[in-house]
């Protein structure tokens, strides 16, 4: 029987966690986390990482396994996840991957483009310039050197902007010229499950989740990592905004409002990305009860 990777995804705040736990319990599979920030152990509140109780229900991989001081990217995740899948598929027919990081999901399902090597010296130079001149420097340089990619990238994501700029300067060619989008064959089939809700309900859930994170201690969590605010791992919604409040640029209330706004914007970008994927099976969590959705997903997994 062909092995099956079930990918459960959707925008931030949609409600992936509870459905993923019930689905994993039903299928008898662990969960592979595909959220690029839940990998970091120091920031569980702001990344909505699975709690200890949730991890006791179902075994999770790639949750809290790295430090924010570690360099980690989608290419490394691709290698690590594929190696783990080889082991897991030796024991079971289905495995569940859950998360909302688009690049991480694509890395496992489709593979990443081969990119040229970047000299260590250049990489460090650009990191130093980013630290001294900020995000605006990266945005202006990528827009100048590769306007096509600049029009597609999350312009608030310094890690992606840095990587594009590194390739542009190392090769003398636009980063977008190396993005071929060729899908690599995998030794398993992929079933993608997309979760959604009506926009007004999704946005209300996002706003409330930010309030709950603050009540759960997000401010103290952000304050603890504030001395390391230059790290790529902390260029993340929830932390960037509180850092500006710590520096006196914003009030805490303003920071909270901006976390909510930027989270909503991120959800919109996620949905735009996912809806371009013709392989996605969509389920509206407001339109159907979870039991009915679980039954339909199980039927998809059982198809030969």
C-alpha atoms as a PDB file:
ATOM      1  CA  UNK A   1       0.000   0.000   0.000  1.00  0.00           C
ATOM      2  CA  UNK A   2       1.272   3.463  -0.871  1.00  0.00           C
ATOM      3  CA  UNK A   3       2.175   5.558   2.145  1.00  0.00           C
ATOM      4  CA  UNK A   4       0.186   8.749   2.736  1.00  0.00           C
ATOM      5  CA  UNK A   5       1.236  12.096   4.175  1.00  0.00           C
ATOM      6  CA  UNK A   6      -1.820  14.036   5.329  1.00  0.00           C
ATOM      7  CA  UNK A   7      -1.110  17.766   5.475  1.00  0.00           C
ATOM      8  CA  UNK A   8      -3.489  19.772   7.650  1.00  0.00           C
ATOM      9  CA  UNK A   9      -3.052  23.481   7.112  1.00  0.00           C
ATOM     10  CA  UNK A  10      -4.869  26.793   7.088  1.00  0.00           C
ATOM     11  CA  UNK A  11      -4.461  30.399   8.220  1.00  0.00           C
ATOM     12  CA  UNK A  12      -3.282  31.355  11.666  1.00  0.00           C
ATOM     13  CA  UNK A  13      -6.076  31.216  14.241  1.00  0.00           C
ATOM     14  CA  UNK A  14      -8.417  29.052  12.152  1.00  0.00           C
ATOM     15  CA  UNK A  15      -8.433  26.150  14.637  1.00  0.00           C
ATOM     16  CA  UNK A  16      -5.980  23.556  13.356  1.00  0.00           C
ATOM     17  CA  UNK A  17      -4.891  22.273  16.774  1.00  0.00           C
ATOM     18  CA  UNK A  18      -7.994  20.516  18.091  1.00  0.00           C
ATOM     19  CA  UNK A  19      -8.874  18.953  14.741  1.00  0.00           C
ATOM     20  CA  UNK A  20      -5.279  17.776  14.297  1.00  0.00           C
ATOM     21  CA  UNK A  21      -5.275  16.102  17.718  1.00  0.00           C
ATOM     22  CA  UNK A  22      -8.507  14.263  17.065  1.00  0.00           C
ATOM     23  CA  UNK A  23      -7.395  13.230  13.577  1.00  0.00           C
ATOM     24  CA  UNK A  24      -4.019  11.993  14.846  1.00  0.00           C
ATOM     25  CA  UNK A  25      -5.704  10.000  17.619  1.00  0.00           C
ATOM     26  CA  UNK A  26      -8.135   8.488  15.128  1.00  0.00           C
ATOM     27  CA  UNK A  27      -5.411   7.507  12.649  1.00  0.00           C
ATOM     28  CA  UNK A  28      -2.882   6.454  15.291  1.00  0.00           C
ATOM     29  CA  UNK A  29      -0.215   8.762  13.932  1.00  0.00           C
ATOM     30  CA  UNK A  30       2.124  11.320  15.497  1.00  0.00           C
ATOM     31  CA  UNK A  31       2.094  14.942  14.322  1.00  0.00           C
ATOM     32  CA  UNK A  32       4.926  16.571  12.404  1.00  0.00           C
ATOM     33  CA  UNK A  33       4.868  20.279  13.179  1.00  0.00           C
ATOM     34  CA  UNK A  34       5.153  22.478  10.078  1.00  0.00           C
ATOM     35  CA  UNK A  35       5.168  25.839  11.846  1.00  0.00           C
ATOM     36  CA  UNK A  36       8.559  27.466  11.442  1.00  0.00           C
ATOM     37  CA  UNK A  37       8.394  29.297  14.776  1.00  0.00           C
ATOM     38  CA  UNK A  38       6.983  26.552  16.998  1.00  0.00           C
ATOM     39  CA  UNK A  39      10.312  24.792  16.497  1.00  0.00           C
ATOM     40  CA  UNK A  40      11.925  27.301  18.903  1.00  0.00           C
ATOM     41  CA  UNK A  41      11.665  26.333  22.548  1.00  0.00           C
ATOM     42  CA  UNK A  42      11.915  29.814  24.095  1.00  0.00           C
ATOM     43  CA  UNK A  43       8.767  31.286  22.512  1.00  0.00           C
ATOM     44  CA  UNK A  44       5.822  28.870  22.962  1.00  0.00           C
ATOM     45  CA  UNK A  45       3.184  31.466  23.900  1.00  0.00           C
ATOM     46  CA  UNK A  46       3.557  33.826  20.964  1.00  0.00           C
ATOM     47  CA  UNK A  47       3.777  30.943  18.485  1.00  0.00           C
ATOM     48  CA  UNK A  48       0.746  29.111  19.919  1.00  0.00           C
ATOM     49  CA  UNK A  49       2.851  25.963  20.264  1.00  0.00           C
ATOM     50  CA  UNK A  50       1.106  22.766  21.407  1.00  0.00           C
ATOM     51  CA  UNK A  51       0.884  22.673  25.190  1.00  0.00           C
ATOM     52  CA  UNK A  52       2.343  19.943  27.368  1.00  0.00           C
ATOM     53  CA  UNK A  53      -1.149  18.487  27.724  1.00  0.00           C
ATOM     54  CA  UNK A  54      -1.674  18.444  23.958  1.00  0.00           C
ATOM     55  CA  UNK A  55       1.704  16.836  23.390  1.00  0.00           C
ATOM     56  CA  UNK A  56       0.788  14.209  26.000  1.00  0.00           C
ATOM     57  CA  UNK A  57      -2.273  13.316  23.916  1.00  0.00           C
ATOM     58  CA  UNK A  58      -0.302  12.894  20.670  1.00  0.00           C
ATOM     59  CA  UNK A  59       3.425  12.667  20.051  1.00  0.00           C
ATOM     60  CA  UNK A  60       4.706  15.778  18.260  1.00  0.00           C
ATOM     61  CA  UNK A  61       7.921  16.217  16.299  1.00  0.00           C
ATOM     62  CA  UNK A  62       9.674  19.534  15.599  1.00  0.00           C
ATOM     63  CA  UNK A  63       8.107  21.373  18.545  1.00  0.00           C
ATOM     64  CA  UNK A  64      10.553  23.151  20.847  1.00  0.00           C
ATOM     65  CA  UNK A  65      13.485  21.234  19.401  1.00  0.00           C
ATOM     66  CA  UNK A  66      15.643  24.236  18.519  1.00  0.00           C
ATOM     67  CA  UNK A  67      16.878  27.359  20.261  1.00  0.00           C
ATOM     68  CA  UNK A  68      16.173  30.801  18.867  1.00  0.00           C
ATOM     69  CA  UNK A  69      19.969  31.169  18.569  1.00  0.00           C
ATOM     70  CA  UNK A  70      20.101  28.313  16.030  1.00  0.00           C
ATOM     71  CA  UNK A  71      20.063  29.005  12.308  1.00  0.00           C
ATOM     72  CA  UNK A  72      17.297  26.891  10.816  1.00  0.00           C
ATOM     73  CA  UNK A  73      15.477  27.169   7.510  1.00  0.00           C
ATOM     74  CA  UNK A  74      13.115  25.399   5.129  1.00  0.00           C
ATOM     75  CA  UNK A  75      15.959  23.511   3.451  1.00  0.00           C
ATOM     76  CA  UNK A  76      17.066  21.996   6.741  1.00  0.00           C
ATOM     77  CA  UNK A  77      13.457  21.221   7.619  1.00  0.00           C
ATOM     78  CA  UNK A  78      13.018  19.425   4.286  1.00  0.00           C
ATOM     79  CA  UNK A  79      15.972  17.149   5.029  1.00  0.00           C
ATOM     80  CA  UNK A  80      14.985  16.519   8.645  1.00  0.00           C
ATOM     81  CA  UNK A  81      11.321  15.883   7.892  1.00  0.00           C
ATOM     82  CA  UNK A  82      12.001  13.512   4.976  1.00  0.00           C
ATOM     83  CA  UNK A  83      14.444  11.510   7.088  1.00  0.00           C
ATOM     84  CA  UNK A  84      11.883  11.232   9.878  1.00  0.00           C
ATOM     85  CA  UNK A  85       9.129  10.255   7.439  1.00  0.00           C
ATOM     86  CA  UNK A  86      11.283   7.377   6.212  1.00  0.00           C
ATOM     87  CA  UNK A  87      11.361   6.049   9.773  1.00  0.00           C
ATOM     88  CA  UNK A  88       7.687   6.658  10.506  1.00  0.00           C
ATOM     89  CA  UNK A  89       6.432   5.115   7.263  1.00  0.00           C
ATOM     90  CA  UNK A  90       8.327   1.937   8.120  1.00  0.00           C
ATOM     91  CA  UNK A  91       5.871   1.546  11.016  1.00  0.00           C
ATOM     92  CA  UNK A  92       2.581   2.964   9.665  1.00  0.00           C
ATOM     93  CA  UNK A  93       0.743   3.778   6.454  1.00  0.00           C
ATOM     94  CA  UNK A  94      -0.285   7.370   7.260  1.00  0.00           C
ATOM     95  CA  UNK A  95       1.470  10.318   8.924  1.00  0.00           C
ATOM     96  CA  UNK A  96      -0.025  13.713   9.770  1.00  0.00           C
ATOM     97  CA  UNK A  97       1.809  17.008   9.217  1.00  0.00           C
ATOM     98  CA  UNK A  98       0.220  20.140  10.695  1.00  0.00           C
ATOM     99  CA  UNK A  99       1.107  23.797  10.395  1.00  0.00           C
ATOM    100  CA  UNK A 100       0.778  27.039   8.534  1.00  0.00           C
ATOM    101  CA  UNK A 101       4.311  27.789   7.313  1.00  0.00           C
ATOM    102  CA  UNK A 102       3.923  27.755   3.567  1.00  0.00           C
ATOM    103  CA  UNK A 103       7.590  27.285   2.711  1.00  0.00           C
ATOM    104  CA  UNK A 104       7.983  24.379   5.149  1.00  0.00           C
ATOM    105  CA  UNK A 105       4.979  22.573   3.708  1.00  0.00           C
ATOM    106  CA  UNK A 106       6.158  23.147   0.137  1.00  0.00           C
ATOM    107  CA  UNK A 107       9.644  21.948   1.056  1.00  0.00           C
ATOM    108  CA  UNK A 108       8.338  18.534   2.117  1.00  0.00           C
ATOM    109  CA  UNK A 109       5.580  18.132  -0.468  1.00  0.00           C
ATOM    110  CA  UNK A 110       7.274  19.579  -3.539  1.00  0.00           C
ATOM    111  CA  UNK A 111      10.932  20.179  -2.717  1.00  0.00           C
ATOM    112  CA  UNK A 112      12.860  23.440  -2.786  1.00  0.00           C
ATOM    113  CA  UNK A 113      14.757  24.940  -5.682  1.00  0.00           C
ATOM    114  CA  UNK A 114      18.512  24.459  -5.771  1.00  0.00           C
ATOM    115  CA  UNK A 115      20.181  27.729  -4.848  1.00  0.00           C
ATOM    116  CA  UNK A 116      23.794  28.832  -5.387  1.00  0.00           C
ATOM    117  CA  UNK A 117      26.155  28.969  -2.440  1.00  0.00           C
ATOM    118  CA  UNK A 118      26.608  32.335  -0.766  1.00  0.00           C
ATOM    119  CA  UNK A 119      30.030  33.273   0.688  1.00  0.00           C
ATOM    120  CA  UNK A 120      29.992  33.416   4.473  1.00  0.00           C
ATOM    121  CA  UNK A 121      31.592  36.876   4.420  1.00  0.00           C
ATOM    122  CA  UNK A 122      28.806  38.309   2.250  1.00  0.00           C
ATOM    123  CA  UNK A 123      26.129  36.735   4.411  1.00  0.00           C
ATOM    124  CA  UNK A 124      27.641  38.289   7.537  1.00  0.00           C
ATOM    125  CA  UNK A 125      28.029  41.690   5.870  1.00  0.00           C
ATOM    126  CA  UNK A 126      24.373  41.752   4.939  1.00  0.00           C
ATOM    127  CA  UNK A 127      23.294  40.672   8.414  1.00  0.00           C
ATOM    128  CA  UNK A 128      25.344  43.510   9.871  1.00  0.00           C
ATOM    129  CA  UNK A 129      23.770  46.032   7.507  1.00  0.00           C
ATOM    130  CA  UNK A 130      20.316  44.755   8.384  1.00  0.00           C
ATOM    131  CA  UNK A 131      21.066  45.174  12.092  1.00  0.00           C
ATOM    132  CA  UNK A 132      22.306  48.719  11.581  1.00  0.00           C
ATOM    133  CA  UNK A 133      19.873  49.945   8.902  1.00  0.00           C
ATOM    134  CA  UNK A 134      16.785  47.849   9.556  1.00  0.00           C
ATOM    135  CA  UNK A 135      14.126  46.251   7.409  1.00  0.00           C
ATOM    136  CA  UNK A 136      13.841  49.255   5.078  1.00  0.00           C
ATOM    137  CA  UNK A 137      17.361  48.560   3.765  1.00  0.00           C
ATOM    138  CA  UNK A 138      16.461  44.983   2.803  1.00  0.00           C
ATOM    139  CA  UNK A 139      13.199  46.060   1.218  1.00  0.00           C
ATOM    140  CA  UNK A 140      14.772  48.769  -0.930  1.00  0.00           C
ATOM    141  CA  UNK A 141      17.653  46.550  -2.106  1.00  0.00           C
ATOM    142  CA  UNK A 142      15.475  43.576  -3.023  1.00  0.00           C
ATOM    143  CA  UNK A 143      13.030  45.885  -4.792  1.00  0.00           C
ATOM    144  CA  UNK A 144      15.917  47.372  -6.767  1.00  0.00           C
ATOM    145  CA  UNK A 145      17.674  44.102  -7.650  1.00  0.00           C
ATOM    146  CA  UNK A 146      14.687  41.777  -8.096  1.00  0.00           C
ATOM    147  CA  UNK A 147      11.379  43.654  -8.431  1.00  0.00           C
ATOM    148  CA  UNK A 148       9.578  40.482  -9.571  1.00  0.00           C
ATOM    149  CA  UNK A 149      10.387  38.622  -6.362  1.00  0.00           C
ATOM    150  CA  UNK A 150       9.761  41.738  -4.270  1.00  0.00           C
ATOM    151  CA  UNK A 151       6.202  41.814  -5.588  1.00  0.00           C
ATOM    152  CA  UNK A 152       5.610  38.243  -4.359  1.00  0.00           C
ATOM    153  CA  UNK A 153       7.545  37.994  -1.086  1.00  0.00           C
ATOM    154  CA  UNK A 154       6.275  38.791   2.398  1.00  0.00           C
ATOM    155  CA  UNK A 155       7.939  42.201   2.573  1.00  0.00           C
ATOM    156  CA  UNK A 156       7.900  42.123   6.377  1.00  0.00           C
ATOM    157  CA  UNK A 157       9.949  38.913   6.528  1.00  0.00           C
ATOM    158  CA  UNK A 158      13.632  39.845   6.885  1.00  0.00           C
ATOM    159  CA  UNK A 159      14.854  36.247   6.575  1.00  0.00           C
ATOM    160  CA  UNK A 160      13.393  35.829   3.099  1.00  0.00           C
ATOM    161  CA  UNK A 161      14.533  39.282   2.014  1.00  0.00           C
ATOM    162  CA  UNK A 162      18.049  38.586   3.287  1.00  0.00           C
ATOM    163  CA  UNK A 163      18.234  35.279   1.439  1.00  0.00           C
ATOM    164  CA  UNK A 164      17.076  36.869  -1.810  1.00  0.00           C
ATOM    165  CA  UNK A 165      19.562  39.706  -1.444  1.00  0.00           C
ATOM    166  CA  UNK A 166      22.402  37.285  -0.702  1.00  0.00           C
ATOM    167  CA  UNK A 167      21.739  35.378  -3.923  1.00  0.00           C
ATOM    168  CA  UNK A 168      21.360  38.562  -5.983  1.00  0.00           C
ATOM    169  CA  UNK A 169      24.679  39.966  -4.805  1.00  0.00           C
ATOM    170  CA  UNK A 170      26.577  36.654  -4.849  1.00  0.00           C
ATOM    171  CA  UNK A 171      25.578  35.792  -8.429  1.00  0.00           C
ATOM    172  CA  UNK A 172      24.785  39.088 -10.121  1.00  0.00           C
ATOM    173  CA  UNK A 173      21.422  37.620 -11.150  1.00  0.00           C
ATOM    174  CA  UNK A 174      17.927  38.102  -9.705  1.00  0.00           C
ATOM    175  CA  UNK A 175      16.949  35.633  -7.018  1.00  0.00           C
ATOM    176  CA  UNK A 176      13.741  34.907  -8.944  1.00  0.00           C
ATOM    177  CA  UNK A 177      15.774  33.544 -11.878  1.00  0.00           C
ATOM    178  CA  UNK A 178      16.789  30.552  -9.716  1.00  0.00           C
ATOM    179  CA  UNK A 179      13.213  29.732  -8.672  1.00  0.00           C
ATOM    180  CA  UNK A 180      12.169  27.004 -11.082  1.00  0.00           C
ATOM    181  CA  UNK A 181       9.249  25.565  -9.161  1.00  0.00           C
ATOM    182  CA  UNK A 182       9.961  21.996 -10.298  1.00  0.00           C
ATOM    183  CA  UNK A 183       8.121  19.441  -8.168  1.00  0.00           C
ATOM    184  CA  UNK A 184      10.256  16.561  -6.942  1.00  0.00           C
ATOM    185  CA  UNK A 185       8.835  13.081  -6.760  1.00  0.00           C
ATOM    186  CA  UNK A 186       8.257  11.759  -3.247  1.00  0.00           C
ATOM    187  CA  UNK A 187       7.953   8.088  -2.231  1.00  0.00           C
ATOM    188  CA  UNK A 188       4.546   8.813  -0.681  1.00  0.00           C
ATOM    189  CA  UNK A 189       1.324  10.454  -1.765  1.00  0.00           C
ATOM    190  CA  UNK A 190       0.284  13.796  -0.312  1.00  0.00           C
ATOM    191  CA  UNK A 191      -3.266  14.745   0.669  1.00  0.00           C
ATOM    192  CA  UNK A 192      -3.652  18.421   1.562  1.00  0.00           C
ATOM    193  CA  UNK A 193      -6.458  19.504   3.859  1.00  0.00           C
ATOM    194  CA  UNK A 194      -7.153  23.252   4.085  1.00  0.00           C
ATOM    195  CA  UNK A 195      -9.224  24.670   6.944  1.00  0.00           C
ATOM    196  CA  UNK A 196     -11.073  27.942   6.677  1.00  0.00           C
ATOM    197  CA  UNK A 197     -13.765  30.069   8.298  1.00  0.00           C
ATOM    198  CA  UNK A 198     -15.668  33.167   7.106  1.00  0.00           C
ATOM    199  CA  UNK A 199     -13.314  36.130   7.192  1.00  0.00           C
ATOM    200  CA  UNK A 200     -15.131  38.092   9.902  1.00  0.00           C
ATOM    201  CA  UNK A 201     -15.137  35.070  12.210  1.00  0.00           C
ATOM    202  CA  UNK A 202     -11.491  34.255  11.453  1.00  0.00           C
ATOM    203  CA  UNK A 203     -10.402  37.824  12.181  1.00  0.00           C
ATOM    204  CA  UNK A 204     -12.379  37.903  15.426  1.00  0.00           C
ATOM    205  CA  UNK A 205     -10.692  34.657  16.495  1.00  0.00           C
ATOM    206  CA  UNK A 206      -7.274  36.124  15.691  1.00  0.00           C
ATOM    207  CA  UNK A 207      -7.992  39.279  17.707  1.00  0.00           C
ATOM    208  CA  UNK A 208      -9.172  37.248  20.699  1.00  0.00           C
ATOM    209  CA  UNK A 209      -6.213  34.890  20.501  1.00  0.00           C
ATOM    210  CA  UNK A 210      -3.811  37.827  20.793  1.00  0.00           C
ATOM    211  CA  UNK A 211      -5.668  39.003  23.911  1.00  0.00           C
ATOM    212  CA  UNK A 212      -5.404  35.480  25.336  1.00  0.00           C
ATOM    213  CA  UNK A 213      -1.674  35.320  24.565  1.00  0.00           C
ATOM    214  CA  UNK A 214      -1.120  38.523  26.511  1.00  0.00           C
ATOM    215  CA  UNK A 215      -3.073  37.067  29.434  1.00  0.00           C
ATOM    216  CA  UNK A 216      -0.971  33.904  29.211  1.00  0.00           C
ATOM    217  CA  UNK A 217       2.296  35.859  29.549  1.00  0.00           C
ATOM    218  CA  UNK A 218       3.376  36.938  26.057  1.00  0.00           C
ATOM    219  CA  UNK A 219       4.770  40.218  27.384  1.00  0.00           C
ATOM    220  CA  UNK A 220       7.115  38.453  29.813  1.00  0.00           C
ATOM    221  CA  UNK A 221       8.091  35.938  27.146  1.00  0.00           C
ATOM    222  CA  UNK A 222       8.998  38.740  24.727  1.00  0.00           C
ATOM    223  CA  UNK A 223      10.859  40.638  27.445  1.00  0.00           C
ATOM    224  CA  UNK A 224      12.974  37.561  28.218  1.00  0.00           C
ATOM    225  CA  UNK A 225      14.194  37.306  24.598  1.00  0.00           C
ATOM    226  CA  UNK A 226      14.410  41.061  23.983  1.00  0.00           C
ATOM    227  CA  UNK A 227      18.241  41.128  24.328  1.00  0.00           C
ATOM    228  CA  UNK A 228      18.357  38.771  21.298  1.00  0.00           C
ATOM    229  CA  UNK A 229      15.860  40.778  19.238  1.00  0.00           C
ATOM    230  CA  UNK A 230      18.254  40.936  16.250  1.00  0.00           C
ATOM    231  CA  UNK A 231      17.916  37.168  15.614  1.00  0.00           C
ATOM    232  CA  UNK A 232      15.996  36.019  12.545  1.00  0.00           C
ATOM    233  CA  UNK A 233      13.923  33.706  14.721  1.00  0.00           C
ATOM    234  CA  UNK A 234      12.476  36.730  16.538  1.00  0.00           C
ATOM    235  CA  UNK A 235      11.492  38.672  13.408  1.00  0.00           C
ATOM    236  CA  UNK A 236       8.039  37.344  14.082  1.00  0.00           C
ATOM    237  CA  UNK A 237       4.580  38.816  14.613  1.00  0.00           C
ATOM    238  CA  UNK A 238       3.998  39.251  18.331  1.00  0.00           C
ATOM    239  CA  UNK A 239       7.610  39.926  19.196  1.00  0.00           C
ATOM    240  CA  UNK A 240       8.513  42.687  16.740  1.00  0.00           C
ATOM    241  CA  UNK A 241       5.591  44.781  17.940  1.00  0.00           C
ATOM    242  CA  UNK A 242       6.289  44.308  21.664  1.00  0.00           C
ATOM    243  CA  UNK A 243       9.957  45.117  21.107  1.00  0.00           C
ATOM    244  CA  UNK A 244       8.881  48.508  19.747  1.00  0.00           C
ATOM    245  CA  UNK A 245       6.781  49.031  22.870  1.00  0.00           C
ATOM    246  CA  UNK A 246       9.762  48.129  25.066  1.00  0.00           C
ATOM    247  CA  UNK A 247      11.792  50.760  23.220  1.00  0.00           C
ATOM    248  CA  UNK A 248       9.163  53.437  23.869  1.00  0.00           C
ATOM    249  CA  UNK A 249       8.112  53.786  20.245  1.00  0.00           C
ATOM    250  CA  UNK A 250       4.598  52.468  20.907  1.00  0.00           C
ATOM    251  CA  UNK A 251       2.373  52.015  23.910  1.00  0.00           C
ATOM    252  CA  UNK A 252       1.592  48.442  24.878  1.00  0.00           C
ATOM    253  CA  UNK A 253      -2.012  48.908  23.730  1.00  0.00           C
ATOM    254  CA  UNK A 254      -0.767  50.030  20.314  1.00  0.00           C
ATOM    255  CA  UNK A 255       1.569  47.036  20.144  1.00  0.00           C
ATOM    256  CA  UNK A 256      -1.343  44.685  20.872  1.00  0.00           C
ATOM    257  CA  UNK A 257      -3.447  46.307  18.144  1.00  0.00           C
ATOM    258  CA  UNK A 258      -0.549  45.973  15.695  1.00  0.00           C
ATOM    259  CA  UNK A 259      -0.052  42.298  16.605  1.00  0.00           C
ATOM    260  CA  UNK A 260      -3.721  41.741  15.805  1.00  0.00           C
ATOM    261  CA  UNK A 261      -3.488  43.675  12.547  1.00  0.00           C
ATOM    262  CA  UNK A 262      -0.283  41.992  11.376  1.00  0.00           C
ATOM    263  CA  UNK A 263      -1.684  38.565  12.312  1.00  0.00           C
ATOM    264  CA  UNK A 264      -4.752  39.276  10.177  1.00  0.00           C
ATOM    265  CA  UNK A 265      -2.525  40.357   7.285  1.00  0.00           C
ATOM    266  CA  UNK A 266      -0.493  37.158   7.648  1.00  0.00           C
ATOM    267  CA  UNK A 267      -3.671  35.064   7.565  1.00  0.00           C
ATOM    268  CA  UNK A 268      -4.697  36.814   4.348  1.00  0.00           C
ATOM    269  CA  UNK A 269      -1.319  36.040   2.734  1.00  0.00           C
ATOM    270  CA  UNK A 270      -1.579  32.420   3.838  1.00  0.00           C
ATOM    271  CA  UNK A 271      -5.013  32.059   2.266  1.00  0.00           C
ATOM    272  CA  UNK A 272      -3.828  33.627  -0.983  1.00  0.00           C
ATOM    273  CA  UNK A 273      -0.972  31.110  -1.128  1.00  0.00           C
ATOM    274  CA  UNK A 274      -3.114  28.087  -0.274  1.00  0.00           C
ATOM    275  CA  UNK A 275      -5.928  28.960  -2.687  1.00  0.00           C
ATOM    276  CA  UNK A 276      -3.461  28.878  -5.562  1.00  0.00           C
ATOM    277  CA  UNK A 277      -2.905  25.172  -4.794  1.00  0.00           C
ATOM    278  CA  UNK A 278      -5.352  23.111  -6.862  1.00  0.00           C
ATOM    279  CA  UNK A 279      -4.580  20.001  -4.773  1.00  0.00           C
ATOM    280  CA  UNK A 280      -6.075  21.451  -1.587  1.00  0.00           C
ATOM    281  CA  UNK A 281      -9.264  19.915  -0.146  1.00  0.00           C
ATOM    282  CA  UNK A 282     -11.104  22.700   1.681  1.00  0.00           C
ATOM    283  CA  UNK A 283     -13.252  22.408   4.809  1.00  0.00           C
ATOM    284  CA  UNK A 284     -15.134  25.284   6.453  1.00  0.00           C
ATOM    285  CA  UNK A 285     -15.056  24.801  10.221  1.00  0.00           C
ATOM    286  CA  UNK A 286     -18.173  26.961  10.600  1.00  0.00           C
ATOM    287  CA  UNK A 287     -20.187  25.048   8.019  1.00  0.00           C
ATOM    288  CA  UNK A 288     -19.685  21.497   9.264  1.00  0.00           C
ATOM    289  CA  UNK A 289     -19.169  19.846  12.668  1.00  0.00           C
ATOM    290  CA  UNK A 290     -15.723  18.464  13.389  1.00  0.00           C
ATOM    291  CA  UNK A 291     -17.007  14.881  13.425  1.00  0.00           C
ATOM    292  CA  UNK A 292     -18.279  15.219   9.862  1.00  0.00           C
ATOM    293  CA  UNK A 293     -15.008  16.770   8.699  1.00  0.00           C
ATOM    294  CA  UNK A 294     -13.014  13.997  10.381  1.00  0.00           C
ATOM    295  CA  UNK A 295     -15.102  11.390   8.577  1.00  0.00           C
ATOM    296  CA  UNK A 296     -14.465  13.023   5.199  1.00  0.00           C
ATOM    297  CA  UNK A 297     -10.717  13.369   5.811  1.00  0.00           C
ATOM    298  CA  UNK A 298     -10.508   9.739   6.889  1.00  0.00           C
ATOM    299  CA  UNK A 299     -12.274   8.713   3.683  1.00  0.00           C
ATOM    300  CA  UNK A 300      -9.690  10.671   1.657  1.00  0.00           C
ATOM    301  CA  UNK A 301      -6.861   8.933   3.500  1.00  0.00           C
ATOM    302  CA  UNK A 302      -8.435   5.520   2.881  1.00  0.00           C
ATOM    303  CA  UNK A 303      -8.794   6.024  -0.868  1.00  0.00           C
ATOM    304  CA  UNK A 304      -6.528   3.720  -2.852  1.00  0.00           C
END
